[in-house]
Amino acid sequence: MNKKPFTSIVMGIAGGLAAWMLGVWLWAMWYLGRRDVHRTLAEPQNQAPKGRAVLEEKETEIYTVTHLIEDGIERVTYTPKRRRFETPIFFQHGMWHGAWCWQHWQALFAGWGWESHAISLPGHTGSPSQRPMQLTTLDYYLAFIKTEIERLPRKPVLVGHSMGGALTQWYLRHVDDDLPAVVLVAPWVSHRTLEDGLPRFLKLDPLGVFLMFFTLSATQFMRTPYHAAKKLTTGGALYTPEELHARLGPESGLVMLQHNPPFWAPAEEVRAPMLWLAAEKDTLIGEPAARQSAAHYKADYVVVPDAGHNLMMEHNYRATAEQVRDWLAAQGVE
């Protein structure tokens, strides 16, 4: 067999892939460079048809649950029978997830007297897509969070997980930092995701990283139950790998690029008291970088032992929620 033609074919394929990757990166930088967060927030982003569909209304001795899709946004509200606090809690999910991921915490906090709200961003779980997933960005998601928070009767405690933690930081930077309290749950780091995350991701799943940046879709990073469980939970989680993977959905790759300079810089000061929860066994977020990020915001910092990235569904989810509850009490949130 003549190896020269074979080698030429391989080199040609490799060159084509490299050229494609370069083109994708250049387009992504151009596209993100054209984003203006203030313009995005000033313009209506929700283009879904008007309408309201109630999916579930459940009542227990402790709380009621209202699960609906209204004007294209899935909302889950837990209302306690014995309300102890006037301040609501707003839970924001991260990449691939939806409002469903907060149900165990929402039930706990309702039992403690808190009303809480969780939404699914467009293209996640019950909220239909309103634009191609590869074109969704953090400023686009932020506009929906801003609208949802404005629907509430008073400013909430804002709780964000992972990308939701990044969106919480964007909210504090670009919308309002005068909130009763903020809780970041295994969030993206404060300054740049690529510096901490990319080396970790390449070691964890080089093929997933390649597919993510080749297509600008992060969906393939969670392509099997094995990958979902390996990256998000530990062995004692509330969901099996199969159950978790079945609930996950598509996600944009642009969002991770946008949480980096020159497109992003964190607020230098934040008025809202902040709690930063890191997971000891987090495979996606490095603990040293999380600690440095918390120090930047002067946040109270807690490392949750023996837990993976999805703290709200780990075996010790209740103990973690109790830490949040006690911290909110210490802040005097009413």
C-alpha atoms as a PDB file:
ATOM      1  CA  MET A   1       0.000   0.000   0.000  1.00  0.00           C
ATOM      2  CA  ASN A   2       1.310   3.407  -0.958  1.00  0.00           C
ATOM      3  CA  LYS A   3       1.342   5.463   2.212  1.00  0.00           C
ATOM      4  CA  LYS A   4       1.782   8.819   0.490  1.00  0.00           C
ATOM      5  CA  PRO A   5      -1.783   9.141  -0.868  1.00  0.00           C
ATOM      6  CA  PHE A   6      -3.169   7.984   2.483  1.00  0.00           C
ATOM      7  CA  THR A   7      -1.024  10.508   4.331  1.00  0.00           C
ATOM      8  CA  SER A   8      -2.120  13.224   1.925  1.00  0.00           C
ATOM      9  CA  ILE A   9      -5.776  12.390   2.542  1.00  0.00           C
ATOM     10  CA  VAL A  10      -5.309  12.504   6.321  1.00  0.00           C
ATOM     11  CA  MET A  11      -3.439  15.792   6.102  1.00  0.00           C
ATOM     12  CA  GLY A  12      -6.145  17.213   3.859  1.00  0.00           C
ATOM     13  CA  ILE A  13      -8.876  16.200   6.287  1.00  0.00           C
ATOM     14  CA  ALA A  14      -6.930  17.615   9.231  1.00  0.00           C
ATOM     15  CA  GLY A  15      -6.358  20.858   7.348  1.00  0.00           C
ATOM     16  CA  GLY A  16     -10.026  21.114   6.493  1.00  0.00           C
ATOM     17  CA  LEU A  17     -11.063  20.560  10.095  1.00  0.00           C
ATOM     18  CA  ALA A  18      -8.557  23.158  11.286  1.00  0.00           C
ATOM     19  CA  ALA A  19      -9.812  25.673   8.739  1.00  0.00           C
ATOM     20  CA  TRP A  20     -13.411  25.014   9.784  1.00  0.00           C
ATOM     21  CA  MET A  21     -12.540  25.424  13.464  1.00  0.00           C
ATOM     22  CA  LEU A  22     -10.750  28.696  12.740  1.00  0.00           C
ATOM     23  CA  GLY A  23     -13.728  29.931  10.775  1.00  0.00           C
ATOM     24  CA  VAL A  24     -16.133  28.985  13.572  1.00  0.00           C
ATOM     25  CA  TRP A  25     -14.004  30.769  16.165  1.00  0.00           C
ATOM     26  CA  LEU A  26     -13.666  33.894  14.039  1.00  0.00           C
ATOM     27  CA  TRP A  27     -17.422  33.958  13.434  1.00  0.00           C
ATOM     28  CA  ALA A  28     -18.103  33.451  17.152  1.00  0.00           C
ATOM     29  CA  MET A  29     -15.798  36.326  18.096  1.00  0.00           C
ATOM     30  CA  TRP A  30     -17.463  38.544  15.494  1.00  0.00           C
ATOM     31  CA  TYR A  31     -20.959  37.564  16.624  1.00  0.00           C
ATOM     32  CA  LEU A  32     -20.238  38.077  20.328  1.00  0.00           C
ATOM     33  CA  GLY A  33     -18.449  41.333  19.596  1.00  0.00           C
ATOM     34  CA  ARG A  34     -21.659  42.679  18.079  1.00  0.00           C
ATOM     35  CA  ARG A  35     -23.717  41.868  21.179  1.00  0.00           C
ATOM     36  CA  ASP A  36     -24.717  44.865  23.287  1.00  0.00           C
ATOM     37  CA  VAL A  37     -26.169  43.778  26.626  1.00  0.00           C
ATOM     38  CA  HIS A  38     -27.868  47.114  27.272  1.00  0.00           C
ATOM     39  CA  ARG A  39     -29.541  47.083  23.853  1.00  0.00           C
ATOM     40  CA  THR A  40     -30.631  43.471  24.409  1.00  0.00           C
ATOM     41  CA  LEU A  41     -32.169  44.384  27.770  1.00  0.00           C
ATOM     42  CA  ALA A  42     -33.930  47.414  26.310  1.00  0.00           C
ATOM     43  CA  GLU A  43     -35.641  45.455  23.514  1.00  0.00           C
ATOM     44  CA  PRO A  44     -38.380  42.823  23.982  1.00  0.00           C
ATOM     45  CA  GLN A  45     -36.825  39.377  23.497  1.00  0.00           C
ATOM     46  CA  ASN A  46     -39.799  37.097  24.128  1.00  0.00           C
ATOM     47  CA  GLN A  47     -41.346  36.396  20.727  1.00  0.00           C
ATOM     48  CA  ALA A  48     -43.401  33.391  21.837  1.00  0.00           C
ATOM     49  CA  PRO A  49     -47.150  33.364  21.144  1.00  0.00           C
ATOM     50  CA  LYS A  50     -49.267  34.556  24.032  1.00  0.00           C
ATOM     51  CA  GLY A  51     -51.011  31.834  25.972  1.00  0.00           C
ATOM     52  CA  ARG A  52     -51.201  29.963  29.239  1.00  0.00           C
ATOM     53  CA  ALA A  53     -51.233  26.212  29.780  1.00  0.00           C
ATOM     54  CA  VAL A  54     -51.373  24.776  33.294  1.00  0.00           C
ATOM     55  CA  LEU A  55     -49.425  21.510  33.420  1.00  0.00           C
ATOM     56  CA  GLU A  56     -49.927  20.698  37.079  1.00  0.00           C
ATOM     57  CA  GLU A  57     -51.564  22.064  40.193  1.00  0.00           C
ATOM     58  CA  LYS A  58     -50.690  20.032  43.246  1.00  0.00           C
ATOM     59  CA  GLU A  59     -51.603  20.679  46.842  1.00  0.00           C
ATOM     60  CA  THR A  60     -50.038  19.120  49.930  1.00  0.00           C
ATOM     61  CA  GLU A  61     -50.432  19.868  53.612  1.00  0.00           C
ATOM     62  CA  ILE A  62     -47.345  22.054  53.441  1.00  0.00           C
ATOM     63  CA  TYR A  63     -47.461  23.836  50.083  1.00  0.00           C
ATOM     64  CA  THR A  64     -49.093  24.153  46.682  1.00  0.00           C
ATOM     65  CA  VAL A  65     -47.244  23.683  43.400  1.00  0.00           C
ATOM     66  CA  THR A  66     -48.227  25.489  40.211  1.00  0.00           C
ATOM     67  CA  HIS A  67     -46.499  24.292  37.058  1.00  0.00           C
ATOM     68  CA  LEU A  68     -47.402  26.088  33.853  1.00  0.00           C
ATOM     69  CA  ILE A  69     -46.146  27.439  30.553  1.00  0.00           C
ATOM     70  CA  GLU A  70     -47.125  31.055  30.007  1.00  0.00           C
ATOM     71  CA  ASP A  71     -46.145  33.146  26.995  1.00  0.00           C
ATOM     72  CA  GLY A  72     -43.515  30.566  26.081  1.00  0.00           C
ATOM     73  CA  ILE A  73     -41.853  30.365  29.519  1.00  0.00           C
ATOM     74  CA  GLU A  74     -42.143  27.368  31.824  1.00  0.00           C
ATOM     75  CA  ARG A  75     -42.668  28.421  35.443  1.00  0.00           C
ATOM     76  CA  VAL A  76     -42.793  26.350  38.615  1.00  0.00           C
ATOM     77  CA  THR A  77     -44.008  28.074  41.783  1.00  0.00           C
ATOM     78  CA  TYR A  78     -44.065  26.608  45.284  1.00  0.00           C
ATOM     79  CA  THR A  79     -46.337  28.511  47.679  1.00  0.00           C
ATOM     80  CA  PRO A  80     -46.181  27.580  51.384  1.00  0.00           C
ATOM     81  CA  LYS A  81     -49.373  27.129  53.337  1.00  0.00           C
ATOM     82  CA  ARG A  82     -47.696  28.917  56.239  1.00  0.00           C
ATOM     83  CA  ARG A  83     -45.700  31.752  54.774  1.00  0.00           C
ATOM     84  CA  ARG A  84     -42.968  33.006  57.094  1.00  0.00           C
ATOM     85  CA  PHE A  85     -41.146  35.295  54.671  1.00  0.00           C
ATOM     86  CA  GLU A  86     -42.392  38.020  52.351  1.00  0.00           C
ATOM     87  CA  THR A  87     -39.256  37.886  50.191  1.00  0.00           C
ATOM     88  CA  PRO A  88     -39.556  35.270  47.422  1.00  0.00           C
ATOM     89  CA  ILE A  89     -36.721  33.121  46.117  1.00  0.00           C
ATOM     90  CA  PHE A  90     -35.964  33.020  42.394  1.00  0.00           C
ATOM     91  CA  PHE A  91     -34.079  29.910  41.253  1.00  0.00           C
ATOM     92  CA  GLN A  92     -32.173  29.999  37.948  1.00  0.00           C
ATOM     93  CA  HIS A  93     -30.907  26.811  36.304  1.00  0.00           C
ATOM     94  CA  GLY A  94     -27.684  26.298  34.382  1.00  0.00           C
ATOM     95  CA  MET A  95     -26.656  24.752  31.067  1.00  0.00           C
ATOM     96  CA  TRP A  96     -28.729  21.810  29.775  1.00  0.00           C
ATOM     97  CA  HIS A  97     -31.124  21.996  32.765  1.00  0.00           C
ATOM     98  CA  GLY A  98     -34.531  23.515  33.398  1.00  0.00           C
ATOM     99  CA  ALA A  99     -36.842  24.509  36.224  1.00  0.00           C
ATOM    100  CA  TRP A 100     -37.169  20.834  37.183  1.00  0.00           C
ATOM    101  CA  CYS A 101     -33.688  20.730  38.726  1.00  0.00           C
ATOM    102  CA  TRP A 102     -34.805  22.850  41.706  1.00  0.00           C
ATOM    103  CA  GLN A 103     -37.834  20.798  42.786  1.00  0.00           C
ATOM    104  CA  HIS A 104     -36.182  19.236  45.840  1.00  0.00           C
ATOM    105  CA  TRP A 105     -34.920  22.576  47.126  1.00  0.00           C
ATOM    106  CA  GLN A 106     -38.192  24.297  46.309  1.00  0.00           C
ATOM    107  CA  ALA A 107     -40.074  21.732  48.393  1.00  0.00           C
ATOM    108  CA  LEU A 108     -37.690  22.210  51.322  1.00  0.00           C
ATOM    109  CA  PHE A 109     -37.859  25.991  51.251  1.00  0.00           C
ATOM    110  CA  ALA A 110     -41.646  25.897  50.977  1.00  0.00           C
ATOM    111  CA  GLY A 111     -41.667  23.793  54.130  1.00  0.00           C
ATOM    112  CA  TRP A 112     -39.595  26.478  55.815  1.00  0.00           C
ATOM    113  CA  GLY A 113     -42.063  29.190  54.770  1.00  0.00           C
ATOM    114  CA  TRP A 114     -40.529  30.556  51.547  1.00  0.00           C
ATOM    115  CA  GLU A 115     -42.366  31.114  48.291  1.00  0.00           C
ATOM    116  CA  SER A 116     -40.119  30.243  45.366  1.00  0.00           C
ATOM    117  CA  HIS A 117     -40.136  30.500  41.584  1.00  0.00           C
ATOM    118  CA  ALA A 118     -38.123  28.603  38.980  1.00  0.00           C
ATOM    119  CA  ILE A 119     -38.219  29.083  35.223  1.00  0.00           C
ATOM    120  CA  SER A 120     -36.856  27.295  32.191  1.00  0.00           C
ATOM    121  CA  LEU A 121     -35.037  29.522  29.735  1.00  0.00           C
ATOM    122  CA  PRO A 122     -36.117  29.386  26.061  1.00  0.00           C
ATOM    123  CA  GLY A 123     -35.147  26.074  24.501  1.00  0.00           C
ATOM    124  CA  HIS A 124     -34.895  24.345  27.884  1.00  0.00           C
ATOM    125  CA  THR A 125     -37.311  21.655  29.110  1.00  0.00           C
ATOM    126  CA  GLY A 126     -40.852  23.058  28.736  1.00  0.00           C
ATOM    127  CA  SER A 127     -39.935  26.471  27.273  1.00  0.00           C
ATOM    128  CA  PRO A 128     -39.927  26.228  23.466  1.00  0.00           C
ATOM    129  CA  SER A 129     -36.974  27.559  21.497  1.00  0.00           C
ATOM    130  CA  GLN A 130     -37.379  31.025  20.064  1.00  0.00           C
ATOM    131  CA  ARG A 131     -34.136  31.096  18.103  1.00  0.00           C
ATOM    132  CA  PRO A 132     -31.528  28.493  17.048  1.00  0.00           C
ATOM    133  CA  MET A 133     -29.746  27.230  20.149  1.00  0.00           C
ATOM    134  CA  GLN A 134     -26.319  27.976  18.648  1.00  0.00           C
ATOM    135  CA  LEU A 135     -27.290  31.665  18.532  1.00  0.00           C
ATOM    136  CA  THR A 136     -28.376  31.993  22.155  1.00  0.00           C
ATOM    137  CA  THR A 137     -26.134  34.077  24.398  1.00  0.00           C
ATOM    138  CA  LEU A 138     -25.912  35.160  28.010  1.00  0.00           C
ATOM    139  CA  ASP A 139     -27.296  38.625  27.327  1.00  0.00           C
ATOM    140  CA  TYR A 140     -30.267  37.003  25.565  1.00  0.00           C
ATOM    141  CA  TYR A 141     -30.949  34.754  28.557  1.00  0.00           C
ATOM    142  CA  LEU A 142     -30.432  37.691  30.913  1.00  0.00           C
ATOM    143  CA  ALA A 143     -33.269  39.618  29.289  1.00  0.00           C
ATOM    144  CA  PHE A 144     -35.705  36.823  30.211  1.00  0.00           C
ATOM    145  CA  ILE A 145     -34.450  36.682  33.801  1.00  0.00           C
ATOM    146  CA  LYS A 146     -34.858  40.446  34.116  1.00  0.00           C
ATOM    147  CA  THR A 147     -38.442  40.200  32.859  1.00  0.00           C
ATOM    148  CA  GLU A 148     -39.280  37.312  35.190  1.00  0.00           C
ATOM    149  CA  ILE A 149     -37.896  39.071  38.253  1.00  0.00           C
ATOM    150  CA  GLU A 150     -39.846  42.209  37.375  1.00  0.00           C
ATOM    151  CA  ARG A 151     -43.035  40.100  37.466  1.00  0.00           C
ATOM    152  CA  LEU A 152     -42.536  39.422  41.173  1.00  0.00           C
ATOM    153  CA  PRO A 153     -44.162  41.696  43.763  1.00  0.00           C
ATOM    154  CA  ARG A 154     -40.814  42.433  45.421  1.00  0.00           C
ATOM    155  CA  LYS A 155     -37.130  41.840  44.847  1.00  0.00           C
ATOM    156  CA  PRO A 156     -36.225  38.201  45.420  1.00  0.00           C
ATOM    157  CA  VAL A 157     -33.319  36.262  46.777  1.00  0.00           C
ATOM    158  CA  LEU A 158     -31.582  35.284  43.538  1.00  0.00           C
ATOM    159  CA  VAL A 159     -30.157  31.746  43.444  1.00  0.00           C
ATOM    160  CA  GLY A 160     -28.199  30.628  40.372  1.00  0.00           C
ATOM    161  CA  HIS A 161     -26.542  27.320  39.565  1.00  0.00           C
ATOM    162  CA  SER A 162     -23.558  26.959  37.202  1.00  0.00           C
ATOM    163  CA  MET A 163     -24.411  29.056  34.102  1.00  0.00           C
ATOM    164  CA  GLY A 164     -27.313  30.373  36.190  1.00  0.00           C
ATOM    165  CA  GLY A 165     -24.630  31.578  38.601  1.00  0.00           C
ATOM    166  CA  ALA A 166     -22.932  33.358  35.717  1.00  0.00           C
ATOM    167  CA  LEU A 167     -26.257  34.905  34.717  1.00  0.00           C
ATOM    168  CA  THR A 168     -26.690  36.003  38.330  1.00  0.00           C
ATOM    169  CA  GLN A 169     -23.349  37.778  38.091  1.00  0.00           C
ATOM    170  CA  TRP A 170     -24.481  39.374  34.825  1.00  0.00           C
ATOM    171  CA  TYR A 171     -27.677  40.487  36.534  1.00  0.00           C
ATOM    172  CA  LEU A 172     -25.710  42.112  39.348  1.00  0.00           C
ATOM    173  CA  ARG A 173     -23.410  43.801  36.836  1.00  0.00           C
ATOM    174  CA  HIS A 174     -25.946  44.996  34.280  1.00  0.00           C
ATOM    175  CA  VAL A 175     -29.379  45.134  35.943  1.00  0.00           C
ATOM    176  CA  ASP A 176     -29.486  45.508  39.740  1.00  0.00           C
ATOM    177  CA  ASP A 177     -27.193  44.608  42.628  1.00  0.00           C
ATOM    178  CA  ASP A 178     -29.515  45.873  45.367  1.00  0.00           C
ATOM    179  CA  LEU A 179     -31.108  42.507  46.138  1.00  0.00           C
ATOM    180  CA  PRO A 180     -31.939  41.062  49.563  1.00  0.00           C
ATOM    181  CA  ALA A 181     -29.373  38.297  49.020  1.00  0.00           C
ATOM    182  CA  VAL A 182     -27.647  36.277  46.320  1.00  0.00           C
ATOM    183  CA  VAL A 183     -26.676  32.593  46.427  1.00  0.00           C
ATOM    184  CA  LEU A 184     -24.315  31.174  43.809  1.00  0.00           C
ATOM    185  CA  VAL A 185     -24.479  27.371  43.573  1.00  0.00           C
ATOM    186  CA  ALA A 186     -21.336  25.894  41.957  1.00  0.00           C
ATOM    187  CA  PRO A 187     -21.312  28.914  39.622  1.00  0.00           C
ATOM    188  CA  TRP A 188     -18.985  29.819  36.811  1.00  0.00           C
ATOM    189  CA  VAL A 189     -15.948  31.726  38.028  1.00  0.00           C
ATOM    190  CA  SER A 190     -15.999  35.491  38.213  1.00  0.00           C
ATOM    191  CA  HIS A 191     -13.650  36.562  35.451  1.00  0.00           C
ATOM    192  CA  ARG A 192     -13.134  33.988  32.677  1.00  0.00           C
ATOM    193  CA  THR A 193     -14.448  30.478  32.081  1.00  0.00           C
ATOM    194  CA  LEU A 194     -11.782  29.444  29.587  1.00  0.00           C
ATOM    195  CA  GLU A 195      -8.825  29.923  31.915  1.00  0.00           C
ATOM    196  CA  ASP A 196     -10.152  27.512  34.536  1.00  0.00           C
ATOM    197  CA  GLY A 197     -12.615  25.429  32.553  1.00  0.00           C
ATOM    198  CA  LEU A 198     -10.985  24.644  29.226  1.00  0.00           C
ATOM    199  CA  PRO A 199      -7.989  22.696  30.613  1.00  0.00           C
ATOM    200  CA  ARG A 200     -10.336  20.778  32.909  1.00  0.00           C
ATOM    201  CA  PHE A 201     -12.784  20.035  30.093  1.00  0.00           C
ATOM    202  CA  LEU A 202     -10.024  18.859  27.756  1.00  0.00           C
ATOM    203  CA  LYS A 203      -8.757  16.448  30.375  1.00  0.00           C
ATOM    204  CA  LEU A 204     -12.268  15.289  31.206  1.00  0.00           C
ATOM    205  CA  ASP A 205     -13.660  14.882  27.686  1.00  0.00           C
ATOM    206  CA  PRO A 206     -11.469  16.018  24.740  1.00  0.00           C
ATOM    207  CA  LEU A 207     -13.967  14.716  22.167  1.00  0.00           C
ATOM    208  CA  GLY A 208     -16.793  16.613  23.841  1.00  0.00           C
ATOM    209  CA  VAL A 209     -14.763  19.823  23.756  1.00  0.00           C
ATOM    210  CA  PHE A 210     -13.943  19.299  20.086  1.00  0.00           C
ATOM    211  CA  LEU A 211     -17.583  18.718  19.213  1.00  0.00           C
ATOM    212  CA  MET A 212     -18.671  21.718  21.261  1.00  0.00           C
ATOM    213  CA  PHE A 213     -16.347  24.160  19.540  1.00  0.00           C
ATOM    214  CA  PHE A 214     -16.686  22.510  16.123  1.00  0.00           C
ATOM    215  CA  THR A 215     -20.445  23.052  16.125  1.00  0.00           C
ATOM    216  CA  LEU A 216     -20.898  25.826  18.746  1.00  0.00           C
ATOM    217  CA  SER A 217     -23.324  23.458  20.449  1.00  0.00           C
ATOM    218  CA  ALA A 218     -22.615  22.243  23.974  1.00  0.00           C
ATOM    219  CA  THR A 219     -25.211  19.501  23.684  1.00  0.00           C
ATOM    220  CA  GLN A 220     -22.656  16.811  22.828  1.00  0.00           C
ATOM    221  CA  PHE A 221     -20.771  17.488  26.060  1.00  0.00           C
ATOM    222  CA  MET A 222     -23.638  15.653  27.806  1.00  0.00           C
ATOM    223  CA  ARG A 223     -24.133  13.102  25.027  1.00  0.00           C
ATOM    224  CA  THR A 224     -24.654   9.967  27.156  1.00  0.00           C
ATOM    225  CA  PRO A 225     -25.823   9.069  30.684  1.00  0.00           C
ATOM    226  CA  TYR A 226     -22.202   8.253  31.506  1.00  0.00           C
ATOM    227  CA  HIS A 227     -21.000  11.727  30.543  1.00  0.00           C
ATOM    228  CA  ALA A 228     -23.891  13.455  32.328  1.00  0.00           C
ATOM    229  CA  ALA A 229     -23.287  11.646  35.617  1.00  0.00           C
ATOM    230  CA  LYS A 230     -19.500  11.893  35.421  1.00  0.00           C
ATOM    231  CA  LYS A 231     -19.616  15.653  34.971  1.00  0.00           C
ATOM    232  CA  LEU A 232     -22.585  16.664  37.121  1.00  0.00           C
ATOM    233  CA  THR A 233     -23.098  14.294  40.069  1.00  0.00           C
ATOM    234  CA  THR A 234     -21.575  11.689  42.347  1.00  0.00           C
ATOM    235  CA  GLY A 235     -22.720   8.141  42.990  1.00  0.00           C
ATOM    236  CA  GLY A 236     -25.191   9.101  45.700  1.00  0.00           C
ATOM    237  CA  ALA A 237     -27.224  11.603  43.667  1.00  0.00           C
ATOM    238  CA  LEU A 238     -31.032  11.658  43.632  1.00  0.00           C
ATOM    239  CA  TYR A 239     -31.105  10.788  39.921  1.00  0.00           C
ATOM    240  CA  THR A 240     -29.545   7.803  38.197  1.00  0.00           C
ATOM    241  CA  PRO A 241     -27.323   8.588  35.195  1.00  0.00           C
ATOM    242  CA  GLU A 242     -30.153   7.531  32.894  1.00  0.00           C
ATOM    243  CA  GLU A 243     -32.749   9.656  34.698  1.00  0.00           C
ATOM    244  CA  LEU A 244     -30.468  12.683  34.712  1.00  0.00           C
ATOM    245  CA  HIS A 245     -29.513  12.377  31.057  1.00  0.00           C
ATOM    246  CA  ALA A 246     -33.146  11.992  30.008  1.00  0.00           C
ATOM    247  CA  ARG A 247     -33.977  15.352  31.596  1.00  0.00           C
ATOM    248  CA  LEU A 248     -31.090  17.298  30.069  1.00  0.00           C
ATOM    249  CA  GLY A 249     -31.541  19.301  26.886  1.00  0.00           C
ATOM    250  CA  PRO A 250     -29.565  21.178  24.231  1.00  0.00           C
ATOM    251  CA  GLU A 251     -27.315  24.120  24.983  1.00  0.00           C
ATOM    252  CA  SER A 252     -25.331  26.807  23.179  1.00  0.00           C
ATOM    253  CA  GLY A 253     -21.546  26.789  23.058  1.00  0.00           C
ATOM    254  CA  LEU A 254     -21.442  30.578  22.690  1.00  0.00           C
ATOM    255  CA  VAL A 255     -22.439  31.138  26.301  1.00  0.00           C
ATOM    256  CA  MET A 256     -19.144  29.785  27.630  1.00  0.00           C
ATOM    257  CA  LEU A 257     -17.146  31.982  25.269  1.00  0.00           C
ATOM    258  CA  GLN A 258     -19.117  35.081  26.228  1.00  0.00           C
ATOM    259  CA  HIS A 259     -18.206  34.853  29.924  1.00  0.00           C
ATOM    260  CA  ASN A 260     -14.665  35.973  29.114  1.00  0.00           C
ATOM    261  CA  PRO A 261     -12.906  39.222  28.232  1.00  0.00           C
ATOM    262  CA  PRO A 262     -13.447  41.273  26.139  1.00  0.00           C
ATOM    263  CA  PHE A 263     -17.155  40.432  26.339  1.00  0.00           C
ATOM    264  CA  TRP A 264     -17.371  40.237  30.129  1.00  0.00           C
ATOM    265  CA  ALA A 265     -15.897  41.781  33.268  1.00  0.00           C
ATOM    266  CA  PRO A 266     -17.376  41.280  36.758  1.00  0.00           C
ATOM    267  CA  ALA A 267     -18.686  44.075  38.925  1.00  0.00           C
ATOM    268  CA  GLU A 268     -16.015  45.454  41.226  1.00  0.00           C
ATOM    269  CA  GLU A 269     -18.478  45.892  44.089  1.00  0.00           C
ATOM    270  CA  VAL A 270     -21.843  44.305  44.810  1.00  0.00           C
ATOM    271  CA  ARG A 271     -24.261  45.650  47.407  1.00  0.00           C
ATOM    272  CA  ALA A 272     -26.214  42.430  47.878  1.00  0.00           C
ATOM    273  CA  PRO A 273     -24.885  39.972  50.467  1.00  0.00           C
ATOM    274  CA  MET A 274     -23.566  36.907  48.634  1.00  0.00           C
ATOM    275  CA  LEU A 275     -23.059  33.246  49.480  1.00  0.00           C
ATOM    276  CA  TRP A 276     -20.788  31.201  47.187  1.00  0.00           C
ATOM    277  CA  LEU A 277     -21.245  27.429  47.361  1.00  0.00           C
ATOM    278  CA  ALA A 278     -18.507  25.268  45.853  1.00  0.00           C
ATOM    279  CA  ALA A 279     -18.676  21.488  45.454  1.00  0.00           C
ATOM    280  CA  GLU A 280     -15.723  19.481  46.750  1.00  0.00           C
ATOM    281  CA  LYS A 281     -15.962  16.908  43.933  1.00  0.00           C
ATOM    282  CA  ASP A 282     -16.894  19.320  41.149  1.00  0.00           C
ATOM    283  CA  THR A 283     -15.318  18.156  37.891  1.00  0.00           C
ATOM    284  CA  LEU A 284     -16.318  21.318  35.984  1.00  0.00           C
ATOM    285  CA  ILE A 285     -15.351  24.178  38.330  1.00  0.00           C
ATOM    286  CA  GLY A 286     -11.935  24.290  39.994  1.00  0.00           C
ATOM    287  CA  GLU A 287     -12.053  24.933  43.746  1.00  0.00           C
ATOM    288  CA  PRO A 288      -9.071  27.341  43.802  1.00  0.00           C
ATOM    289  CA  ALA A 289     -10.683  29.446  41.052  1.00  0.00           C
ATOM    290  CA  ALA A 290     -14.017  29.361  42.876  1.00  0.00           C
ATOM    291  CA  ARG A 291     -12.344  30.533  46.072  1.00  0.00           C
ATOM    292  CA  GLN A 292     -10.617  33.398  44.263  1.00  0.00           C
ATOM    293  CA  SER A 293     -13.901  34.391  42.617  1.00  0.00           C
ATOM    294  CA  ALA A 294     -15.720  34.459  45.942  1.00  0.00           C
ATOM    295  CA  ALA A 295     -12.940  36.626  47.360  1.00  0.00           C
ATOM    296  CA  HIS A 296     -13.382  39.059  44.457  1.00  0.00           C
ATOM    297  CA  TYR A 297     -17.027  39.569  45.419  1.00  0.00           C
ATOM    298  CA  LYS A 298     -16.280  39.466  49.158  1.00  0.00           C
ATOM    299  CA  ALA A 299     -18.801  36.625  49.331  1.00  0.00           C
ATOM    300  CA  ASP A 300     -19.188  34.145  52.149  1.00  0.00           C
ATOM    301  CA  TYR A 301     -17.573  30.973  50.852  1.00  0.00           C
ATOM    302  CA  VAL A 302     -18.552  27.386  51.654  1.00  0.00           C
ATOM    303  CA  VAL A 303     -17.186  24.164  50.169  1.00  0.00           C
ATOM    304  CA  VAL A 304     -19.826  21.427  50.314  1.00  0.00           C
ATOM    305  CA  PRO A 305     -18.056  18.147  51.122  1.00  0.00           C
ATOM    306  CA  ASP A 306     -18.445  14.952  49.116  1.00  0.00           C
ATOM    307  CA  ALA A 307     -20.663  16.584  46.483  1.00  0.00           C
ATOM    308  CA  GLY A 308     -20.573  17.075  42.730  1.00  0.00           C
ATOM    309  CA  HIS A 309     -21.519  19.994  40.523  1.00  0.00           C
ATOM    310  CA  ASN A 310     -25.307  19.613  40.867  1.00  0.00           C
ATOM    311  CA  LEU A 311     -25.464  20.421  44.577  1.00  0.00           C
ATOM    312  CA  MET A 312     -29.260  20.669  44.592  1.00  0.00           C
ATOM    313  CA  MET A 313     -29.674  16.993  43.680  1.00  0.00           C
ATOM    314  CA  GLU A 314     -26.760  15.388  45.498  1.00  0.00           C
ATOM    315  CA  HIS A 315     -27.173  12.941  48.405  1.00  0.00           C
ATOM    316  CA  ASN A 316     -26.567  15.815  50.858  1.00  0.00           C
ATOM    317  CA  TYR A 317     -28.907  18.250  49.084  1.00  0.00           C
ATOM    318  CA  ARG A 318     -30.911  18.842  52.258  1.00  0.00           C
ATOM    319  CA  ALA A 319     -27.877  19.733  54.388  1.00  0.00           C
ATOM    320  CA  THR A 320     -26.741  22.163  51.683  1.00  0.00           C
ATOM    321  CA  ALA A 321     -30.194  23.764  51.549  1.00  0.00           C
ATOM    322  CA  GLU A 322     -30.141  24.091  55.329  1.00  0.00           C
ATOM    323  CA  GLN A 323     -26.863  25.982  55.057  1.00  0.00           C
ATOM    324  CA  VAL A 324     -28.514  28.371  52.615  1.00  0.00           C
ATOM    325  CA  ARG A 325     -31.543  28.735  54.928  1.00  0.00           C
ATOM    326  CA  ASP A 326     -29.359  29.499  57.937  1.00  0.00           C
ATOM    327  CA  TRP A 327     -27.252  31.949  55.959  1.00  0.00           C
ATOM    328  CA  LEU A 328     -30.370  33.814  54.783  1.00  0.00           C
ATOM    329  CA  ALA A 329     -31.520  34.022  58.410  1.00  0.00           C
ATOM    330  CA  ALA A 330     -28.141  35.478  59.363  1.00  0.00           C
ATOM    331  CA  GLN A 331     -28.588  38.152  56.673  1.00  0.00           C
ATOM    332  CA  GLY A 332     -31.939  39.125  58.168  1.00  0.00           C
ATOM    333  CA  VAL A 333     -33.904  38.423  54.994  1.00  0.00           C
ATOM    334  CA  GLU A 334     -37.593  38.633  55.823  1.00  0.00           C
END
